[in-house]
Amino acid sequence: MTSEIIVTVRLFAAPREFTGKSEIQVTLPTGARLSELIKRLSADYPGLGRYLPYSKLAVNHAISTPEAILNDSDEVALLPPVGGG
């Protein structure tokens, strides 16, 4: 068993425009939670943190909570808020 995992973060809308990337590979320690990924993204991409409080996070196509434990090769989508009217 390795001591690290690699997850793919998919970005849409404003976060994609801000980073200039549609996806980011992030290496985290085994057993990392979604909350740790959020902190890492905020640290690695200053300014991205302003989008995180308004976004939903999905792990492998399922909306997840910050306590969710990530696994190697997981796909995390940063889903922007949806406006309507």
PDB file of N, CA and C in Angstrom:
ATOM      1  N   MET A   1       0.845  -1.177   0.000  1.00  0.00           N
ATOM      2  CA  MET A   1       0.000   0.000   0.000  1.00  0.00           C
ATOM      3  C   MET A   1       0.895   1.247   0.000  1.00  0.00           C
ATOM      4  N   THR A   2       0.557   2.203  -0.851  1.00  0.00           N
ATOM      5  CA  THR A   2       1.369   3.409  -0.920  1.00  0.00           C
ATOM      6  C   THR A   2       0.921   4.405   0.132  1.00  0.00           C
ATOM      7  N   SER A   3       1.782   5.354   0.419  1.00  0.00           N
ATOM      8  CA  SER A   3       1.453   6.368   1.418  1.00  0.00           C
ATOM      9  C   SER A   3       0.853   7.613   0.784  1.00  0.00           C
ATOM     10  N   GLU A   4       0.667   7.586  -0.532  1.00  0.00           N
ATOM     11  CA  GLU A   4       0.091   8.727  -1.235  1.00  0.00           C
ATOM     12  C   GLU A   4      -0.966   8.272  -2.223  1.00  0.00           C
ATOM     13  N   ILE A   5      -1.889   9.165  -2.496  1.00  0.00           N
ATOM     14  CA  ILE A   5      -2.897   8.936  -3.522  1.00  0.00           C
ATOM     15  C   ILE A   5      -2.845  10.109  -4.499  1.00  0.00           C
ATOM     16  N   ILE A   6      -3.338   9.876  -5.688  1.00  0.00           N
ATOM     17  CA  ILE A   6      -3.445  10.944  -6.684  1.00  0.00           C
ATOM     18  C   ILE A   6      -4.910  11.038  -7.089  1.00  0.00           C
ATOM     19  N   VAL A   7      -5.473  12.232  -6.962  1.00  0.00           N
ATOM     20  CA  VAL A   7      -6.852  12.467  -7.383  1.00  0.00           C
ATOM     21  C   VAL A   7      -6.855  13.492  -8.510  1.00  0.00           C
ATOM     22  N   THR A   8      -7.861  13.399  -9.347  1.00  0.00           N
ATOM     23  CA  THR A   8      -8.044  14.352 -10.433  1.00  0.00           C
ATOM     24  C   THR A   8      -9.177  15.289 -10.055  1.00  0.00           C
ATOM     25  N   VAL A   9      -8.912  16.579 -10.122  1.00  0.00           N
ATOM     26  CA  VAL A   9      -9.924  17.587  -9.819  1.00  0.00           C
ATOM     27  C   VAL A   9     -10.347  18.219 -11.138  1.00  0.00           C
ATOM     28  N   ARG A  10     -11.633  18.149 -11.428  1.00  0.00           N
ATOM     29  CA  ARG A  10     -12.174  18.754 -12.647  1.00  0.00           C
ATOM     30  C   ARG A  10     -12.787  20.111 -12.291  1.00  0.00           C
ATOM     31  N   LEU A  11     -12.451  21.104 -13.106  1.00  0.00           N
ATOM     32  CA  LEU A  11     -12.894  22.478 -12.864  1.00  0.00           C
ATOM     33  C   LEU A  11     -13.820  22.937 -13.979  1.00  0.00           C
ATOM     34  N   PHE A  12     -14.814  23.727 -13.611  1.00  0.00           N
ATOM     35  CA  PHE A  12     -15.787  24.256 -14.559  1.00  0.00           C
ATOM     36  C   PHE A  12     -15.997  25.744 -14.306  1.00  0.00           C
ATOM     37  N   ALA A  13     -16.479  26.439 -15.307  1.00  0.00           N
ATOM     38  CA  ALA A  13     -16.878  27.857 -15.215  1.00  0.00           C
ATOM     39  C   ALA A  13     -15.757  28.743 -14.660  1.00  0.00           C
ATOM     40  N   ALA A  14     -16.074  29.591 -13.679  1.00  0.00           N
ATOM     41  CA  ALA A  14     -15.110  30.581 -13.170  1.00  0.00           C
ATOM     42  C   ALA A  14     -13.828  29.941 -12.627  1.00  0.00           C
ATOM     43  N   PRO A  15     -13.888  28.846 -11.854  1.00  0.00           N
ATOM     44  CA  PRO A  15     -12.634  28.240 -11.389  1.00  0.00           C
ATOM     45  C   PRO A  15     -11.738  27.776 -12.546  1.00  0.00           C
ATOM     46  N   ARG A  16     -12.332  27.288 -13.614  1.00  0.00           N
ATOM     47  CA  ARG A  16     -11.536  26.880 -14.788  1.00  0.00           C
ATOM     48  C   ARG A  16     -10.881  28.108 -15.414  1.00  0.00           C
ATOM     49  N   GLU A  17     -11.648  29.178 -15.544  1.00  0.00           N
ATOM     50  CA  GLU A  17     -11.090  30.404 -16.117  1.00  0.00           C
ATOM     51  C   GLU A  17      -9.996  30.976 -15.222  1.00  0.00           C
ATOM     52  N   PHE A  18     -10.205  30.935 -13.907  1.00  0.00           N
ATOM     53  CA  PHE A  18      -9.234  31.471 -12.962  1.00  0.00           C
ATOM     54  C   PHE A  18      -7.906  30.722 -13.039  1.00  0.00           C
ATOM     55  N   THR A  19      -7.966  29.388 -13.051  1.00  0.00           N
ATOM     56  CA  THR A  19      -6.736  28.589 -13.064  1.00  0.00           C
ATOM     57  C   THR A  19      -6.177  28.395 -14.460  1.00  0.00           C
ATOM     58  N   GLY A  20      -7.021  28.543 -15.476  1.00  0.00           N
ATOM     59  CA  GLY A  20      -6.592  28.269 -16.840  1.00  0.00           C
ATOM     60  C   GLY A  20      -6.484  26.778 -17.124  1.00  0.00           C
ATOM     61  N   LYS A  21      -7.101  25.965 -16.252  1.00  0.00           N
ATOM     62  CA  LYS A  21      -7.027  24.509 -16.394  1.00  0.00           C
ATOM     63  C   LYS A  21      -8.416  23.902 -16.233  1.00  0.00           C
ATOM     64  N   SER A  22      -8.663  22.824 -16.971  1.00  0.00           N
ATOM     65  CA  SER A  22      -9.924  22.116 -16.807  1.00  0.00           C
ATOM     66  C   SER A  22      -9.796  20.965 -15.819  1.00  0.00           C
ATOM     67  N   GLU A  23      -8.555  20.533 -15.567  1.00  0.00           N
ATOM     68  CA  GLU A  23      -8.345  19.520 -14.542  1.00  0.00           C
ATOM     69  C   GLU A  23      -6.968  19.656 -13.931  1.00  0.00           C
ATOM     70  N   ILE A  24      -6.881  19.217 -12.677  1.00  0.00           N
ATOM     71  CA  ILE A  24      -5.637  19.308 -11.907  1.00  0.00           C
ATOM     72  C   ILE A  24      -5.407  17.965 -11.239  1.00  0.00           C
ATOM     73  N   GLN A  25      -4.193  17.475 -11.282  1.00  0.00           N
ATOM     74  CA  GLN A  25      -3.811  16.266 -10.547  1.00  0.00           C
ATOM     75  C   GLN A  25      -3.237  16.705  -9.204  1.00  0.00           C
ATOM     76  N   VAL A  26      -3.730  16.113  -8.116  1.00  0.00           N
ATOM     77  CA  VAL A  26      -3.270  16.474  -6.773  1.00  0.00           C
ATOM     78  C   VAL A  26      -2.827  15.210  -6.045  1.00  0.00           C
ATOM     79  N   THR A  27      -1.645  15.260  -5.451  1.00  0.00           N
ATOM     80  CA  THR A  27      -1.128  14.158  -4.644  1.00  0.00           C
ATOM     81  C   THR A  27      -1.391  14.477  -3.178  1.00  0.00           C
ATOM     82  N   LEU A  28      -2.004  13.527  -2.488  1.00  0.00           N
ATOM     83  CA  LEU A  28      -2.367  13.682  -1.077  1.00  0.00           C
ATOM     84  C   LEU A  28      -1.934  12.445  -0.305  1.00  0.00           C
ATOM     85  N   PRO A  29      -1.833  12.540   1.015  1.00  0.00           N
ATOM     86  CA  PRO A  29      -1.519  11.345   1.801  1.00  0.00           C
ATOM     87  C   PRO A  29      -2.691  10.355   1.776  1.00  0.00           C
ATOM     88  N   THR A  30      -2.400   9.075   1.854  1.00  0.00           N
ATOM     89  CA  THR A  30      -3.441   8.054   1.941  1.00  0.00           C
ATOM     90  C   THR A  30      -4.353   8.375   3.125  1.00  0.00           C
ATOM     91  N   GLY A  31      -5.655   8.246   2.922  1.00  0.00           N
ATOM     92  CA  GLY A  31      -6.619   8.534   3.978  1.00  0.00           C
ATOM     93  C   GLY A  31      -7.050   9.987   4.039  1.00  0.00           C
ATOM     94  N   ALA A  32      -6.592  10.801   3.083  1.00  0.00           N
ATOM     95  CA  ALA A  32      -6.954  12.220   3.075  1.00  0.00           C
ATOM     96  C   ALA A  32      -8.457  12.388   2.871  1.00  0.00           C
ATOM     97  N   ARG A  33      -8.977  13.415   3.494  1.00  0.00           N
ATOM     98  CA  ARG A  33     -10.397  13.738   3.363  1.00  0.00           C
ATOM     99  C   ARG A  33     -10.578  14.849   2.322  1.00  0.00           C
ATOM    100  N   LEU A  34     -11.791  14.985   1.867  1.00  0.00           N
ATOM    101  CA  LEU A  34     -12.111  16.026   0.896  1.00  0.00           C
ATOM    102  C   LEU A  34     -11.750  17.397   1.450  1.00  0.00           C
ATOM    103  N   SER A  35     -11.912  17.605   2.745  1.00  0.00           N
ATOM    104  CA  SER A  35     -11.567  18.892   3.358  1.00  0.00           C
ATOM    105  C   SER A  35     -10.081  19.206   3.188  1.00  0.00           C
ATOM    106  N   GLU A  36      -9.229  18.174   3.225  1.00  0.00           N
ATOM    107  CA  GLU A  36      -7.790  18.382   3.026  1.00  0.00           C
ATOM    108  C   GLU A  36      -7.494  18.786   1.587  1.00  0.00           C
ATOM    109  N   LEU A  37      -8.230  18.213   0.652  1.00  0.00           N
ATOM    110  CA  LEU A  37      -8.071  18.600  -0.750  1.00  0.00           C
ATOM    111  C   LEU A  37      -8.462  20.060  -0.934  1.00  0.00           C
ATOM    112  N   ILE A  38      -9.545  20.475  -0.294  1.00  0.00           N
ATOM    113  CA  ILE A  38      -9.993  21.870  -0.397  1.00  0.00           C
ATOM    114  C   ILE A  38      -8.910  22.811   0.113  1.00  0.00           C
ATOM    115  N   LYS A  39      -8.322  22.484   1.265  1.00  0.00           N
ATOM    116  CA  LYS A  39      -7.241  23.316   1.811  1.00  0.00           C
ATOM    117  C   LYS A  39      -6.058  23.356   0.859  1.00  0.00           C
ATOM    118  N   ARG A  40      -5.720  22.226   0.280  1.00  0.00           N
ATOM    119  CA  ARG A  40      -4.582  22.150  -0.641  1.00  0.00           C
ATOM    120  C   ARG A  40      -4.825  22.988  -1.885  1.00  0.00           C
ATOM    121  N   LEU A  41      -6.037  22.902  -2.445  1.00  0.00           N
ATOM    122  CA  LEU A  41      -6.355  23.703  -3.633  1.00  0.00           C
ATOM    123  C   LEU A  41      -6.278  25.198  -3.321  1.00  0.00           C
ATOM    124  N   SER A  42      -6.769  25.593  -2.155  1.00  0.00           N
ATOM    125  CA  SER A  42      -6.718  27.003  -1.755  1.00  0.00           C
ATOM    126  C   SER A  42      -5.278  27.476  -1.599  1.00  0.00           C
ATOM    127  N   ALA A  43      -4.400  26.600  -1.091  1.00  0.00           N
ATOM    128  CA  ALA A  43      -2.994  26.959  -0.905  1.00  0.00           C
ATOM    129  C   ALA A  43      -2.241  26.993  -2.236  1.00  0.00           C
ATOM    130  N   ASP A  44      -2.508  26.001  -3.099  1.00  0.00           N
ATOM    131  CA  ASP A  44      -1.792  25.906  -4.370  1.00  0.00           C
ATOM    132  C   ASP A  44      -2.256  26.930  -5.403  1.00  0.00           C
ATOM    133  N   TYR A  45      -3.516  27.344  -5.294  1.00  0.00           N
ATOM    134  CA  TYR A  45      -4.090  28.300  -6.244  1.00  0.00           C
ATOM    135  C   TYR A  45      -4.735  29.441  -5.462  1.00  0.00           C
ATOM    136  N   PRO A  46      -3.900  30.358  -4.941  1.00  0.00           N
ATOM    137  CA  PRO A  46      -4.452  31.481  -4.175  1.00  0.00           C
ATOM    138  C   PRO A  46      -5.528  32.201  -4.994  1.00  0.00           C
ATOM    139  N   GLY A  47      -6.619  32.467  -4.367  1.00  0.00           N
ATOM    140  CA  GLY A  47      -7.749  33.092  -5.061  1.00  0.00           C
ATOM    141  C   GLY A  47      -8.831  32.090  -5.413  1.00  0.00           C
ATOM    142  N   LEU A  48      -8.460  30.841  -5.618  1.00  0.00           N
ATOM    143  CA  LEU A  48      -9.453  29.813  -5.927  1.00  0.00           C
ATOM    144  C   LEU A  48     -10.377  29.598  -4.733  1.00  0.00           C
ATOM    145  N   GLY A  49      -9.851  29.827  -3.540  1.00  0.00           N
ATOM    146  CA  GLY A  49     -10.630  29.652  -2.326  1.00  0.00           C
ATOM    147  C   GLY A  49     -11.906  30.471  -2.291  1.00  0.00           C
ATOM    148  N   ARG A  50     -11.951  31.574  -3.027  1.00  0.00           N
ATOM    149  CA  ARG A  50     -13.166  32.397  -3.005  1.00  0.00           C
ATOM    150  C   ARG A  50     -14.337  31.699  -3.691  1.00  0.00           C
ATOM    151  N   TYR A  51     -14.052  30.712  -4.549  1.00  0.00           N
ATOM    152  CA  TYR A  51     -15.119  29.974  -5.230  1.00  0.00           C
ATOM    153  C   TYR A  51     -15.591  28.763  -4.420  1.00  0.00           C
ATOM    154  N   LEU A  52     -14.728  28.242  -3.565  1.00  0.00           N
ATOM    155  CA  LEU A  52     -15.021  26.985  -2.876  1.00  0.00           C
ATOM    156  C   LEU A  52     -16.243  27.039  -1.965  1.00  0.00           C
ATOM    157  N   PRO A  53     -16.482  28.123  -1.206  1.00  0.00           N
ATOM    158  CA  PRO A  53     -17.659  28.129  -0.327  1.00  0.00           C
ATOM    159  C   PRO A  53     -18.988  28.063  -1.084  1.00  0.00           C
ATOM    160  N   TYR A  54     -18.985  28.440  -2.359  1.00  0.00           N
ATOM    161  CA  TYR A  54     -20.213  28.479  -3.137  1.00  0.00           C
ATOM    162  C   TYR A  54     -20.360  27.288  -4.072  1.00  0.00           C
ATOM    163  N   SER A  55     -19.416  26.392  -4.041  1.00  0.00           N
ATOM    164  CA  SER A  55     -19.395  25.259  -4.953  1.00  0.00           C
ATOM    165  C   SER A  55     -19.752  23.966  -4.237  1.00  0.00           C
ATOM    166  N   LYS A  56     -20.305  23.038  -4.991  1.00  0.00           N
ATOM    167  CA  LYS A  56     -20.520  21.674  -4.504  1.00  0.00           C
ATOM    168  C   LYS A  56     -19.330  20.849  -4.972  1.00  0.00           C
ATOM    169  N   LEU A  57     -19.001  19.829  -4.194  1.00  0.00           N
ATOM    170  CA  LEU A  57     -17.920  18.929  -4.576  1.00  0.00           C
ATOM    171  C   LEU A  57     -18.490  17.535  -4.750  1.00  0.00           C
ATOM    172  N   ALA A  58     -18.170  16.925  -5.873  1.00  0.00           N
ATOM    173  CA  ALA A  58     -18.629  15.570  -6.156  1.00  0.00           C
ATOM    174  C   ALA A  58     -17.411  14.667  -6.283  1.00  0.00           C
ATOM    175  N   VAL A  59     -17.482  13.522  -5.628  1.00  0.00           N
ATOM    176  CA  VAL A  59     -16.426  12.516  -5.747  1.00  0.00           C
ATOM    177  C   VAL A  59     -17.005  11.362  -6.552  1.00  0.00           C
ATOM    178  N   ASN A  60     -16.382  11.091  -7.684  1.00  0.00           N
ATOM    179  CA  ASN A  60     -16.845  10.014  -8.567  1.00  0.00           C
ATOM    180  C   ASN A  60     -18.341  10.143  -8.871  1.00  0.00           C
ATOM    181  N   HIS A  61     -18.754  11.350  -9.234  1.00  0.00           N
ATOM    182  CA  HIS A  61     -20.113  11.676  -9.683  1.00  0.00           C
ATOM    183  C   HIS A  61     -21.160  11.694  -8.581  1.00  0.00           C
ATOM    184  N   ALA A  62     -20.752  11.686  -7.310  1.00  0.00           N
ATOM    185  CA  ALA A  62     -21.700  11.761  -6.197  1.00  0.00           C
ATOM    186  C   ALA A  62     -21.337  12.949  -5.305  1.00  0.00           C
ATOM    187  N   ILE A  63     -22.312  13.828  -5.042  1.00  0.00           N
ATOM    188  CA  ILE A  63     -22.077  14.971  -4.159  1.00  0.00           C
ATOM    189  C   ILE A  63     -21.568  14.438  -2.828  1.00  0.00           C
ATOM    190  N   SER A  64     -20.514  15.051  -2.322  1.00  0.00           N
ATOM    191  CA  SER A  64     -19.866  14.554  -1.110  1.00  0.00           C
ATOM    192  C   SER A  64     -19.717  15.644  -0.062  1.00  0.00           C
ATOM    193  N   THR A  65     -19.449  15.223   1.159  1.00  0.00           N
ATOM    194  CA  THR A  65     -19.230  16.137   2.272  1.00  0.00           C
ATOM    195  C   THR A  65     -17.727  16.277   2.506  1.00  0.00           C
ATOM    196  N   PRO A  66     -17.313  17.316   3.216  1.00  0.00           N
ATOM    197  CA  PRO A  66     -15.886  17.509   3.484  1.00  0.00           C
ATOM    198  C   PRO A  66     -15.244  16.342   4.236  1.00  0.00           C
ATOM    199  N   GLU A  67     -16.040  15.531   4.927  1.00  0.00           N
ATOM    200  CA  GLU A  67     -15.492  14.408   5.689  1.00  0.00           C
ATOM    201  C   GLU A  67     -15.204  13.182   4.823  1.00  0.00           C
ATOM    202  N   ALA A  68     -15.638  13.196   3.573  1.00  0.00           N
ATOM    203  CA  ALA A  68     -15.444  12.035   2.690  1.00  0.00           C
ATOM    204  C   ALA A  68     -13.960  11.715   2.546  1.00  0.00           C
ATOM    205  N   ILE A  69     -13.636  10.437   2.655  1.00  0.00           N
ATOM    206  CA  ILE A  69     -12.253   9.987   2.492  1.00  0.00           C
ATOM    207  C   ILE A  69     -12.004   9.717   1.013  1.00  0.00           C
ATOM    208  N   LEU A  70     -10.900  10.240   0.524  1.00  0.00           N
ATOM    209  CA  LEU A  70     -10.537  10.078  -0.883  1.00  0.00           C
ATOM    210  C   LEU A  70      -9.668   8.834  -1.072  1.00  0.00           C
ATOM    211  N   ASN A  71      -9.782   8.263  -2.266  1.00  0.00           N
ATOM    212  CA  ASN A  71      -8.982   7.095  -2.634  1.00  0.00           C
ATOM    213  C   ASN A  71      -8.175   7.404  -3.879  1.00  0.00           C
ATOM    214  N   ASP A  72      -7.145   6.616  -4.103  1.00  0.00           N
ATOM    215  CA  ASP A  72      -6.315   6.790  -5.282  1.00  0.00           C
ATOM    216  C   ASP A  72      -7.182   6.715  -6.538  1.00  0.00           C
ATOM    217  N   SER A  73      -6.936   7.587  -7.473  1.00  0.00           N
ATOM    218  CA  SER A  73      -7.619   7.668  -8.773  1.00  0.00           C
ATOM    219  C   SER A  73      -9.038   8.221  -8.695  1.00  0.00           C
ATOM    220  N   ASP A  74      -9.456   8.741  -7.537  1.00  0.00           N
ATOM    221  CA  ASP A  74     -10.777   9.366  -7.459  1.00  0.00           C
ATOM    222  C   ASP A  74     -10.815  10.592  -8.361  1.00  0.00           C
ATOM    223  N   GLU A  75     -12.023  10.896  -8.831  1.00  0.00           N
ATOM    224  CA  GLU A  75     -12.254  12.103  -9.614  1.00  0.00           C
ATOM    225  C   GLU A  75     -13.141  13.015  -8.786  1.00  0.00           C
ATOM    226  N   VAL A  76     -12.667  14.216  -8.549  1.00  0.00           N
ATOM    227  CA  VAL A  76     -13.411  15.213  -7.775  1.00  0.00           C
ATOM    228  C   VAL A  76     -13.796  16.338  -8.723  1.00  0.00           C
ATOM    229  N   ALA A  77     -15.089  16.650  -8.768  1.00  0.00           N
ATOM    230  CA  ALA A  77     -15.557  17.748  -9.604  1.00  0.00           C
ATOM    231  C   ALA A  77     -15.919  18.930  -8.709  1.00  0.00           C
ATOM    232  N   LEU A  78     -15.410  20.083  -9.060  1.00  0.00           N
ATOM    233  CA  LEU A  78     -15.742  21.333  -8.387  1.00  0.00           C
ATOM    234  C   LEU A  78     -16.878  21.950  -9.184  1.00  0.00           C
ATOM    235  N   LEU A  79     -18.108  21.810  -8.656  1.00  0.00           N
ATOM    236  CA  LEU A  79     -19.301  22.222  -9.381  1.00  0.00           C
ATOM    237  C   LEU A  79     -19.723  23.619  -8.945  1.00  0.00           C
ATOM    238  N   PRO A  80     -19.778  24.553  -9.882  1.00  0.00           N
ATOM    239  CA  PRO A  80     -20.164  25.922  -9.547  1.00  0.00           C
ATOM    240  C   PRO A  80     -21.636  25.997  -9.188  1.00  0.00           C
ATOM    241  N   PRO A  81     -22.019  27.042  -8.439  1.00  0.00           N
ATOM    242  CA  PRO A  81     -23.441  27.206  -8.126  1.00  0.00           C
ATOM    243  C   PRO A  81     -24.239  27.446  -9.410  1.00  0.00           C
ATOM    244  N   VAL A  82     -25.461  26.989  -9.394  1.00  0.00           N
ATOM    245  CA  VAL A  82     -26.319  27.142 -10.566  1.00  0.00           C
ATOM    246  C   VAL A  82     -27.319  28.241 -10.258  1.00  0.00           C
ATOM    247  N   GLY A  83     -27.352  29.236 -11.124  1.00  0.00           N
ATOM    248  CA  GLY A  83     -28.310  30.326 -10.965  1.00  0.00           C
ATOM    249  C   GLY A  83     -29.548  30.043 -11.797  1.00  0.00           C
ATOM    250  N   GLY A  84     -30.604  30.635 -11.425  1.00  0.00           N
ATOM    251  CA  GLY A  84     -31.835  30.455 -12.190  1.00  0.00           C
ATOM    252  C   GLY A  84     -32.741  31.631 -11.972  1.00  0.00           C
ATOM    253  N   GLY A  85     -33.796  31.601 -12.688  1.00  0.00           N
ATOM    254  CA  GLY A  85     -34.689  32.705 -12.446  1.00  0.00           C
ATOM    255  C   GLY A  85     -35.788  32.791 -13.388  1.00  0.00           C
TER     256      GLY A  85
END
